[in-house]
Amino acid sequence: MTSWARLALSEEMYAVTQFAAGILRLIGLAFALSPAYASVVDRVVNCPTGTPCILLDRSLTGPAQYSDGTLDLLADATGGTLRGRASYQNGPLVGSGQLNGNAEWYDSLTAASATNPDGTQAYLTPTIRASGFTKGPANVQLTFILFGSNPIVESVVLSGDVLGTFKFDPVPIVIGPSGTFNFDLGLSAVAYYGTGSVSATADFSHTAVLTGLTVSLDSAGMMPVSDVTYVSGSGAPYTVNGIVPEPGSMLLIGSGLVAALFARRVHRL
């Protein structure tokens, strides 16, 4: 099951809502993002219906995790490779609500091209590869957020067995130093309780990773910029093939991610 969202939000605060099942991820930004801004924000939370969410663990270096024999939660965005897990076992929890493993990677990028001068209008198409599964009342949301005067959120919600590559819609950027942009890559693994189920799992601890950052001079992708290179605020290496994972992450990503599940405006590669 998939669903799609594209929204305009204020840069001071934004909310990502999972339209299919009601995920709410709220992150407050108390300052404007600078070109050098880069960060990991990992959180695992229990959100009972009708009451504030309970923060079980949070990390700005990754990972955040919590386990007590019934609950098992993980969020890790270390190095820009996202992992998330939310699970409960051994009987129903009291009341109703949801468990979230939210992994967020923030960074800034400058796209450069020897054949296109600073200030050239262009379009960036991000692609993400993910593997994992859900059982019971659970799902996962992948997001790409481009900040600016009119920030854009692109989102896909998945459930069941997921082994695939997902291409988001092109977003407008400007080539060169004048067009340095800030973005967020996010994964939210969610398990719902109070549904009569004695267990639920959203396990995407096998990673989601950015595998494409192609640039074109038109939104249809018919005028690709073949010599684009990137400089990041975090120092992490990026190419047209996305972020270059840390060596340890490569062992988890695998090489067989070729199937895809798509919502409206998420395209098969």
C-alpha atoms as a PDB file:
ATOM      1  CA  MET A   1       0.000   0.000   0.000  1.00  0.00           C
ATOM      2  CA  THR A   2       1.368   3.419  -0.918  1.00  0.00           C
ATOM      3  CA  SER A   3       0.288   7.032  -0.806  1.00  0.00           C
ATOM      4  CA  TRP A   4       1.820  10.301  -1.967  1.00  0.00           C
ATOM      5  CA  ALA A   5       2.086  13.798  -0.579  1.00  0.00           C
ATOM      6  CA  ARG A   6       3.613  17.045  -1.842  1.00  0.00           C
ATOM      7  CA  LEU A   7       3.086  20.102   0.380  1.00  0.00           C
ATOM      8  CA  ALA A   8       4.254  23.692   0.809  1.00  0.00           C
ATOM      9  CA  LEU A   9       5.350  24.479   4.388  1.00  0.00           C
ATOM     10  CA  SER A  10       7.034  27.226   6.398  1.00  0.00           C
ATOM     11  CA  GLU A  11      10.758  26.748   7.027  1.00  0.00           C
ATOM     12  CA  GLU A  12      10.368  27.477  10.743  1.00  0.00           C
ATOM     13  CA  MET A  13       8.204  24.406  11.286  1.00  0.00           C
ATOM     14  CA  TYR A  14       6.842  21.617   9.158  1.00  0.00           C
ATOM     15  CA  ALA A  15       4.767  18.499   9.685  1.00  0.00           C
ATOM     16  CA  VAL A  16       4.893  15.353   7.623  1.00  0.00           C
ATOM     17  CA  THR A  17       1.585  13.477   7.700  1.00  0.00           C
ATOM     18  CA  GLN A  18       1.169   9.935   6.512  1.00  0.00           C
ATOM     19  CA  PHE A  19      -2.124  10.209   4.666  1.00  0.00           C
ATOM     20  CA  ALA A  20      -2.861   6.482   4.510  1.00  0.00           C
ATOM     21  CA  ALA A  21      -2.677   5.776   8.235  1.00  0.00           C
ATOM     22  CA  GLY A  22      -2.244   9.053  10.091  1.00  0.00           C
ATOM     23  CA  ILE A  23       1.481   9.213  10.920  1.00  0.00           C
ATOM     24  CA  LEU A  24       2.358  12.601  12.334  1.00  0.00           C
ATOM     25  CA  ARG A  25       5.999  13.581  12.407  1.00  0.00           C
ATOM     26  CA  LEU A  26       6.546  17.090  13.727  1.00  0.00           C
ATOM     27  CA  ILE A  27       9.951  18.724  13.741  1.00  0.00           C
ATOM     28  CA  GLY A  28      10.400  22.337  14.866  1.00  0.00           C
ATOM     29  CA  LEU A  29      13.141  24.409  13.296  1.00  0.00           C
ATOM     30  CA  ALA A  30      13.953  27.394  15.518  1.00  0.00           C
ATOM     31  CA  PHE A  31      16.322  28.950  13.011  1.00  0.00           C
ATOM     32  CA  ALA A  32      16.772  29.276   9.262  1.00  0.00           C
ATOM     33  CA  LEU A  33      18.994  26.544   7.863  1.00  0.00           C
ATOM     34  CA  SER A  34      22.410  27.760   6.758  1.00  0.00           C
ATOM     35  CA  PRO A  35      24.374  26.300   3.817  1.00  0.00           C
ATOM     36  CA  ALA A  36      26.710  24.518   6.251  1.00  0.00           C
ATOM     37  CA  TYR A  37      23.901  22.899   8.227  1.00  0.00           C
ATOM     38  CA  ALA A  38      24.080  19.110   8.543  1.00  0.00           C
ATOM     39  CA  SER A  39      22.731  16.863  11.248  1.00  0.00           C
ATOM     40  CA  VAL A  40      21.369  13.509  12.323  1.00  0.00           C
ATOM     41  CA  VAL A  41      18.136  13.488  14.345  1.00  0.00           C
ATOM     42  CA  ASP A  42      17.076  10.024  15.493  1.00  0.00           C
ATOM     43  CA  ARG A  43      14.045   9.524  17.756  1.00  0.00           C
ATOM     44  CA  VAL A  44      12.027   6.558  19.025  1.00  0.00           C
ATOM     45  CA  VAL A  45       8.668   7.435  20.572  1.00  0.00           C
ATOM     46  CA  ASN A  46       5.451   5.955  21.916  1.00  0.00           C
ATOM     47  CA  CYS A  47       2.433   8.067  20.953  1.00  0.00           C
ATOM     48  CA  PRO A  48      -0.698   7.015  22.892  1.00  0.00           C
ATOM     49  CA  THR A  49      -3.908   8.288  21.324  1.00  0.00           C
ATOM     50  CA  GLY A  50      -5.061  11.584  22.829  1.00  0.00           C
ATOM     51  CA  THR A  51      -1.920  12.285  24.880  1.00  0.00           C
ATOM     52  CA  PRO A  52       1.531  13.731  24.111  1.00  0.00           C
ATOM     53  CA  CYS A  53       4.099  11.375  22.658  1.00  0.00           C
ATOM     54  CA  ILE A  54       6.574   9.781  25.066  1.00  0.00           C
ATOM     55  CA  LEU A  55      10.177  10.158  23.934  1.00  0.00           C
ATOM     56  CA  LEU A  56      11.916   6.848  24.627  1.00  0.00           C
ATOM     57  CA  ASP A  57      15.310   7.785  23.185  1.00  0.00           C
ATOM     58  CA  ARG A  58      16.865  10.504  21.029  1.00  0.00           C
ATOM     59  CA  SER A  59      20.287  10.903  19.448  1.00  0.00           C
ATOM     60  CA  LEU A  60      21.998  13.555  17.342  1.00  0.00           C
ATOM     61  CA  THR A  61      24.773  11.147  16.360  1.00  0.00           C
ATOM     62  CA  GLY A  62      22.780   7.904  15.963  1.00  0.00           C
ATOM     63  CA  PRO A  63      21.348   5.514  16.771  1.00  0.00           C
ATOM     64  CA  ALA A  64      18.337   5.983  19.052  1.00  0.00           C
ATOM     65  CA  GLN A  65      16.929   2.718  20.379  1.00  0.00           C
ATOM     66  CA  TYR A  66      14.696   1.199  23.029  1.00  0.00           C
ATOM     67  CA  SER A  67      13.855  -2.381  23.973  1.00  0.00           C
ATOM     68  CA  ASP A  68      12.114  -3.778  27.046  1.00  0.00           C
ATOM     69  CA  GLY A  69      11.038  -7.280  26.030  1.00  0.00           C
ATOM     70  CA  THR A  70       7.718  -6.066  24.608  1.00  0.00           C
ATOM     71  CA  LEU A  71       8.736  -2.975  22.633  1.00  0.00           C
ATOM     72  CA  ASP A  72      11.628  -2.884  20.180  1.00  0.00           C
ATOM     73  CA  LEU A  73      12.421   0.422  18.480  1.00  0.00           C
ATOM     74  CA  LEU A  74      15.353   1.713  16.436  1.00  0.00           C
ATOM     75  CA  ALA A  75      16.174   4.875  14.482  1.00  0.00           C
ATOM     76  CA  ASP A  76      19.542   5.506  12.865  1.00  0.00           C
ATOM     77  CA  ALA A  77      20.481   8.029  10.159  1.00  0.00           C
ATOM     78  CA  THR A  78      24.242   7.765  10.632  1.00  0.00           C
ATOM     79  CA  GLY A  79      26.101   8.735   7.468  1.00  0.00           C
ATOM     80  CA  GLY A  80      22.870   9.397   5.580  1.00  0.00           C
ATOM     81  CA  THR A  81      21.864   5.725   5.466  1.00  0.00           C
ATOM     82  CA  LEU A  82      18.477   5.402   7.184  1.00  0.00           C
ATOM     83  CA  ARG A  83      17.354   2.534   9.409  1.00  0.00           C
ATOM     84  CA  GLY A  84      14.166   2.252  11.407  1.00  0.00           C
ATOM     85  CA  ARG A  85      12.239  -0.359  13.340  1.00  0.00           C
ATOM     86  CA  ALA A  86       9.067  -0.252  15.455  1.00  0.00           C
ATOM     87  CA  SER A  87       7.685  -3.464  16.934  1.00  0.00           C
ATOM     88  CA  TYR A  88       5.700  -4.876  19.825  1.00  0.00           C
ATOM     89  CA  GLN A  89       5.273  -8.536  20.735  1.00  0.00           C
ATOM     90  CA  ASN A  90       3.855 -10.799  23.441  1.00  0.00           C
ATOM     91  CA  GLY A  91       0.365  -9.307  23.669  1.00  0.00           C
ATOM     92  CA  PRO A  92      -1.522  -6.040  23.161  1.00  0.00           C
ATOM     93  CA  LEU A  93      -0.436  -2.764  24.727  1.00  0.00           C
ATOM     94  CA  VAL A  94      -2.770  -0.818  26.984  1.00  0.00           C
ATOM     95  CA  GLY A  95      -4.971   1.648  25.116  1.00  0.00           C
ATOM     96  CA  SER A  96      -4.253   2.633  21.526  1.00  0.00           C
ATOM     97  CA  GLY A  97      -1.592   4.576  19.685  1.00  0.00           C
ATOM     98  CA  GLN A  98       1.544   4.081  17.638  1.00  0.00           C
ATOM     99  CA  LEU A  99       5.239   3.354  18.072  1.00  0.00           C
ATOM    100  CA  ASN A 100       7.609   5.333  15.824  1.00  0.00           C
ATOM    101  CA  GLY A 101      11.242   4.877  14.846  1.00  0.00           C
ATOM    102  CA  ASN A 102      12.086   8.179  13.103  1.00  0.00           C
ATOM    103  CA  ALA A 103      15.475   8.579  11.403  1.00  0.00           C
ATOM    104  CA  GLU A 104      16.284  11.989   9.860  1.00  0.00           C
ATOM    105  CA  TRP A 105      19.329  13.085   7.838  1.00  0.00           C
ATOM    106  CA  TYR A 106      19.716  16.840   7.176  1.00  0.00           C
ATOM    107  CA  ASP A 107      22.345  18.224   4.844  1.00  0.00           C
ATOM    108  CA  SER A 108      23.091  21.046   2.396  1.00  0.00           C
ATOM    109  CA  LEU A 109      24.250  20.618  -1.195  1.00  0.00           C
ATOM    110  CA  THR A 110      25.694  22.798  -3.916  1.00  0.00           C
ATOM    111  CA  ALA A 111      25.333  21.438  -7.447  1.00  0.00           C
ATOM    112  CA  ALA A 112      28.105  22.499  -9.842  1.00  0.00           C
ATOM    113  CA  SER A 113      28.427  22.126 -13.614  1.00  0.00           C
ATOM    114  CA  ALA A 114      31.271  23.241 -15.891  1.00  0.00           C
ATOM    115  CA  THR A 115      28.808  23.630 -18.768  1.00  0.00           C
ATOM    116  CA  ASN A 116      26.153  25.581 -16.844  1.00  0.00           C
ATOM    117  CA  PRO A 117      27.035  28.828 -15.037  1.00  0.00           C
ATOM    118  CA  ASP A 118      26.114  29.816 -11.502  1.00  0.00           C
ATOM    119  CA  GLY A 119      22.454  30.785 -11.341  1.00  0.00           C
ATOM    120  CA  THR A 120      21.213  28.332 -13.980  1.00  0.00           C
ATOM    121  CA  GLN A 121      17.701  27.078 -13.199  1.00  0.00           C
ATOM    122  CA  ALA A 122      17.470  23.278 -13.087  1.00  0.00           C
ATOM    123  CA  TYR A 123      15.560  20.338 -11.593  1.00  0.00           C
ATOM    124  CA  LEU A 124      16.806  17.726  -9.140  1.00  0.00           C
ATOM    125  CA  THR A 125      15.323  14.208  -9.110  1.00  0.00           C
ATOM    126  CA  PRO A 126      16.050  12.276  -5.900  1.00  0.00           C
ATOM    127  CA  THR A 127      15.868   8.479  -5.855  1.00  0.00           C
ATOM    128  CA  ILE A 128      15.819   6.283  -2.757  1.00  0.00           C
ATOM    129  CA  ARG A 129      16.328   2.553  -2.392  1.00  0.00           C
ATOM    130  CA  ALA A 130      14.742   0.673   0.512  1.00  0.00           C
ATOM    131  CA  SER A 131      14.326  -2.828   1.871  1.00  0.00           C
ATOM    132  CA  GLY A 132      12.257  -4.093   4.773  1.00  0.00           C
ATOM    133  CA  PHE A 133       8.896  -5.515   5.728  1.00  0.00           C
ATOM    134  CA  THR A 134       5.827  -4.916   7.835  1.00  0.00           C
ATOM    135  CA  LYS A 135       3.593  -7.393   9.665  1.00  0.00           C
ATOM    136  CA  GLY A 136       0.286  -6.582  11.287  1.00  0.00           C
ATOM    137  CA  PRO A 137      -0.914  -2.967  11.600  1.00  0.00           C
ATOM    138  CA  ALA A 138       2.324  -1.245  10.563  1.00  0.00           C
ATOM    139  CA  ASN A 139       3.934   0.697   7.725  1.00  0.00           C
ATOM    140  CA  VAL A 140       6.859   2.904   6.789  1.00  0.00           C
ATOM    141  CA  GLN A 141       7.107   6.405   5.314  1.00  0.00           C
ATOM    142  CA  LEU A 142      10.021   7.664   3.218  1.00  0.00           C
ATOM    143  CA  THR A 143      10.357  11.409   2.671  1.00  0.00           C
ATOM    144  CA  PHE A 144      12.496  13.890   0.790  1.00  0.00           C
ATOM    145  CA  ILE A 145      12.147  17.540   1.853  1.00  0.00           C
ATOM    146  CA  LEU A 146      13.639  20.480  -0.020  1.00  0.00           C
ATOM    147  CA  PHE A 147      13.853  23.668   2.041  1.00  0.00           C
ATOM    148  CA  GLY A 148      13.553  27.153   0.595  1.00  0.00           C
ATOM    149  CA  SER A 149      11.099  30.038   0.401  1.00  0.00           C
ATOM    150  CA  ASN A 150       8.432  27.447  -0.453  1.00  0.00           C
ATOM    151  CA  PRO A 151       9.681  24.131   0.993  1.00  0.00           C
ATOM    152  CA  ILE A 152       8.500  20.958  -0.707  1.00  0.00           C
ATOM    153  CA  VAL A 153       7.745  17.609   0.917  1.00  0.00           C
ATOM    154  CA  GLU A 154       7.673  14.437  -1.160  1.00  0.00           C
ATOM    155  CA  SER A 155       6.564  11.257   0.560  1.00  0.00           C
ATOM    156  CA  VAL A 156       5.768   7.614  -0.124  1.00  0.00           C
ATOM    157  CA  VAL A 157       4.103   5.221   2.356  1.00  0.00           C
ATOM    158  CA  LEU A 158       4.742   1.472   2.087  1.00  0.00           C
ATOM    159  CA  SER A 159       3.614  -1.754   3.741  1.00  0.00           C
ATOM    160  CA  GLY A 160       4.159  -5.473   3.229  1.00  0.00           C
ATOM    161  CA  ASP A 161       7.420  -6.783   1.786  1.00  0.00           C
ATOM    162  CA  VAL A 162       9.429  -3.901   0.327  1.00  0.00           C
ATOM    163  CA  LEU A 163      12.445  -4.395  -1.909  1.00  0.00           C
ATOM    164  CA  GLY A 164      12.698  -1.551  -4.335  1.00  0.00           C
ATOM    165  CA  THR A 165      13.853   1.755  -5.743  1.00  0.00           C
ATOM    166  CA  PHE A 166      11.637   4.832  -5.648  1.00  0.00           C
ATOM    167  CA  LYS A 167      11.984   7.968  -7.749  1.00  0.00           C
ATOM    168  CA  PHE A 168      10.443  11.187  -6.464  1.00  0.00           C
ATOM    169  CA  ASP A 169       9.209  14.065  -8.607  1.00  0.00           C
ATOM    170  CA  PRO A 170      11.785  16.617  -9.823  1.00  0.00           C
ATOM    171  CA  VAL A 171      12.228  19.633  -7.558  1.00  0.00           C
ATOM    172  CA  PRO A 172      13.531  23.040  -8.695  1.00  0.00           C
ATOM    173  CA  ILE A 173      17.084  24.043  -7.786  1.00  0.00           C
ATOM    174  CA  VAL A 174      19.704  26.556  -8.956  1.00  0.00           C
ATOM    175  CA  ILE A 175      23.116  25.384 -10.134  1.00  0.00           C
ATOM    176  CA  GLY A 176      26.156  26.952  -8.476  1.00  0.00           C
ATOM    177  CA  PRO A 177      27.001  28.545  -5.119  1.00  0.00           C
ATOM    178  CA  SER A 178      24.035  30.918  -5.332  1.00  0.00           C
ATOM    179  CA  GLY A 179      21.747  27.885  -5.320  1.00  0.00           C
ATOM    180  CA  THR A 180      23.034  25.960  -2.295  1.00  0.00           C
ATOM    181  CA  PHE A 181      20.013  24.143  -0.890  1.00  0.00           C
ATOM    182  CA  ASN A 182      19.090  22.340   2.319  1.00  0.00           C
ATOM    183  CA  PHE A 183      17.256  19.036   2.366  1.00  0.00           C
ATOM    184  CA  ASP A 184      16.011  16.330   4.699  1.00  0.00           C
ATOM    185  CA  LEU A 185      15.866  12.603   4.023  1.00  0.00           C
ATOM    186  CA  GLY A 186      13.603  10.754   6.453  1.00  0.00           C
ATOM    187  CA  LEU A 187      12.355   7.292   7.349  1.00  0.00           C
ATOM    188  CA  SER A 188       9.541   6.621   9.825  1.00  0.00           C
ATOM    189  CA  ALA A 189       8.821   3.019  10.821  1.00  0.00           C
ATOM    190  CA  VAL A 190       5.432   2.811  12.566  1.00  0.00           C
ATOM    191  CA  ALA A 191       3.590   0.032  14.419  1.00  0.00           C
ATOM    192  CA  TYR A 192       0.005   0.665  15.569  1.00  0.00           C
ATOM    193  CA  TYR A 193      -1.519  -0.808  18.718  1.00  0.00           C
ATOM    194  CA  GLY A 194      -5.040  -0.888  20.088  1.00  0.00           C
ATOM    195  CA  THR A 195      -6.247  -2.532  16.885  1.00  0.00           C
ATOM    196  CA  GLY A 196      -6.866  -5.966  18.464  1.00  0.00           C
ATOM    197  CA  SER A 197      -3.494  -7.246  17.271  1.00  0.00           C
ATOM    198  CA  VAL A 198      -1.107  -8.890  19.735  1.00  0.00           C
ATOM    199  CA  SER A 199       1.938  -7.920  17.652  1.00  0.00           C
ATOM    200  CA  ALA A 200       3.037  -5.612  14.860  1.00  0.00           C
ATOM    201  CA  THR A 201       6.371  -4.908  13.183  1.00  0.00           C
ATOM    202  CA  ALA A 202       7.752  -2.347  10.760  1.00  0.00           C
ATOM    203  CA  ASP A 203      11.353  -3.453  10.218  1.00  0.00           C
ATOM    204  CA  PHE A 204      13.433  -1.285   7.898  1.00  0.00           C
ATOM    205  CA  SER A 205      16.670  -1.791   9.777  1.00  0.00           C
ATOM    206  CA  HIS A 206      18.155  -3.174   6.541  1.00  0.00           C
ATOM    207  CA  THR A 207      18.408   0.441   5.316  1.00  0.00           C
ATOM    208  CA  ALA A 208      17.029   3.033   2.989  1.00  0.00           C
ATOM    209  CA  VAL A 209      19.615   5.046   1.110  1.00  0.00           C
ATOM    210  CA  LEU A 210      19.669   7.888  -1.404  1.00  0.00           C
ATOM    211  CA  THR A 211      20.766   6.274  -4.697  1.00  0.00           C
ATOM    212  CA  GLY A 212      20.113   9.030  -7.215  1.00  0.00           C
ATOM    213  CA  LEU A 213      20.516  12.819  -7.499  1.00  0.00           C
ATOM    214  CA  THR A 214      20.176  13.515 -11.201  1.00  0.00           C
ATOM    215  CA  VAL A 215      19.878  17.073 -12.528  1.00  0.00           C
ATOM    216  CA  SER A 216      18.127  18.244 -15.680  1.00  0.00           C
ATOM    217  CA  LEU A 217      17.483  21.666 -17.194  1.00  0.00           C
ATOM    218  CA  ASP A 218      13.820  20.729 -17.663  1.00  0.00           C
ATOM    219  CA  SER A 219      11.278  19.121 -15.313  1.00  0.00           C
ATOM    220  CA  ALA A 220      10.679  16.242 -17.751  1.00  0.00           C
ATOM    221  CA  GLY A 221      14.302  15.105 -17.518  1.00  0.00           C
ATOM    222  CA  MET A 222      14.883  15.474 -21.258  1.00  0.00           C
ATOM    223  CA  MET A 223      17.882  17.840 -20.843  1.00  0.00           C
ATOM    224  CA  PRO A 224      20.152  16.064 -18.327  1.00  0.00           C
ATOM    225  CA  VAL A 225      23.207  17.793 -16.904  1.00  0.00           C
ATOM    226  CA  SER A 226      25.839  15.100 -17.417  1.00  0.00           C
ATOM    227  CA  ASP A 227      28.731  16.814 -15.618  1.00  0.00           C
ATOM    228  CA  VAL A 228      27.008  17.719 -12.334  1.00  0.00           C
ATOM    229  CA  THR A 229      29.054  17.404  -9.144  1.00  0.00           C
ATOM    230  CA  TYR A 230      28.131  18.123  -5.515  1.00  0.00           C
ATOM    231  CA  VAL A 231      29.683  19.720  -2.455  1.00  0.00           C
ATOM    232  CA  SER A 232      27.900  18.990   0.839  1.00  0.00           C
ATOM    233  CA  GLY A 233      27.732  20.887   4.106  1.00  0.00           C
ATOM    234  CA  SER A 234      28.363  17.680   6.065  1.00  0.00           C
ATOM    235  CA  GLY A 235      31.391  16.676   4.037  1.00  0.00           C
ATOM    236  CA  ALA A 236      29.639  13.444   3.018  1.00  0.00           C
ATOM    237  CA  PRO A 237      30.358  12.506  -0.622  1.00  0.00           C
ATOM    238  CA  TYR A 238      27.469  12.739  -3.110  1.00  0.00           C
ATOM    239  CA  THR A 239      27.308  11.914  -6.824  1.00  0.00           C
ATOM    240  CA  VAL A 240      24.528  11.522  -9.397  1.00  0.00           C
ATOM    241  CA  ASN A 241      24.196   8.069  -7.819  1.00  0.00           C
ATOM    242  CA  GLY A 242      23.206   9.605  -4.484  1.00  0.00           C
ATOM    243  CA  ILE A 243      25.114   9.573  -1.231  1.00  0.00           C
ATOM    244  CA  VAL A 244      28.162   7.330  -1.023  1.00  0.00           C
ATOM    245  CA  PRO A 245      27.456   5.067   1.986  1.00  0.00           C
ATOM    246  CA  GLU A 246      30.035   4.388   4.658  1.00  0.00           C
ATOM    247  CA  PRO A 247      31.780   1.024   4.079  1.00  0.00           C
ATOM    248  CA  GLY A 248      29.908  -0.650   6.943  1.00  0.00           C
ATOM    249  CA  SER A 249      26.580   0.387   5.512  1.00  0.00           C
ATOM    250  CA  MET A 250      27.285  -1.318   2.197  1.00  0.00           C
ATOM    251  CA  LEU A 251      27.158  -4.705   3.888  1.00  0.00           C
ATOM    252  CA  LEU A 252      23.568  -4.050   4.932  1.00  0.00           C
ATOM    253  CA  ILE A 253      22.233  -2.499   1.746  1.00  0.00           C
ATOM    254  CA  GLY A 254      22.727  -5.547  -0.504  1.00  0.00           C
ATOM    255  CA  SER A 255      22.559  -5.649  -4.259  1.00  0.00           C
ATOM    256  CA  GLY A 256      19.189  -7.148  -5.129  1.00  0.00           C
ATOM    257  CA  LEU A 257      16.874  -4.181  -4.656  1.00  0.00           C
ATOM    258  CA  VAL A 258      15.137  -4.142  -8.038  1.00  0.00           C
ATOM    259  CA  ALA A 259      11.412  -4.513  -7.392  1.00  0.00           C
ATOM    260  CA  ALA A 260       9.360  -1.416  -6.585  1.00  0.00           C
ATOM    261  CA  LEU A 261       6.066  -0.378  -5.062  1.00  0.00           C
ATOM    262  CA  PHE A 262       4.747   2.938  -6.302  1.00  0.00           C
ATOM    263  CA  ALA A 263       2.062   5.467  -5.519  1.00  0.00           C
ATOM    264  CA  ARG A 264       0.681   8.060  -7.880  1.00  0.00           C
ATOM    265  CA  ARG A 265       3.645  10.185  -9.070  1.00  0.00           C
ATOM    266  CA  VAL A 266       6.253   7.679  -7.863  1.00  0.00           C
ATOM    267  CA  HIS A 267       7.693   6.198 -11.022  1.00  0.00           C
ATOM    268  CA  ARG A 268       9.194   2.839 -11.930  1.00  0.00           C
ATOM    269  CA  LEU A 269      12.830   3.151 -12.927  1.00  0.00           C
END
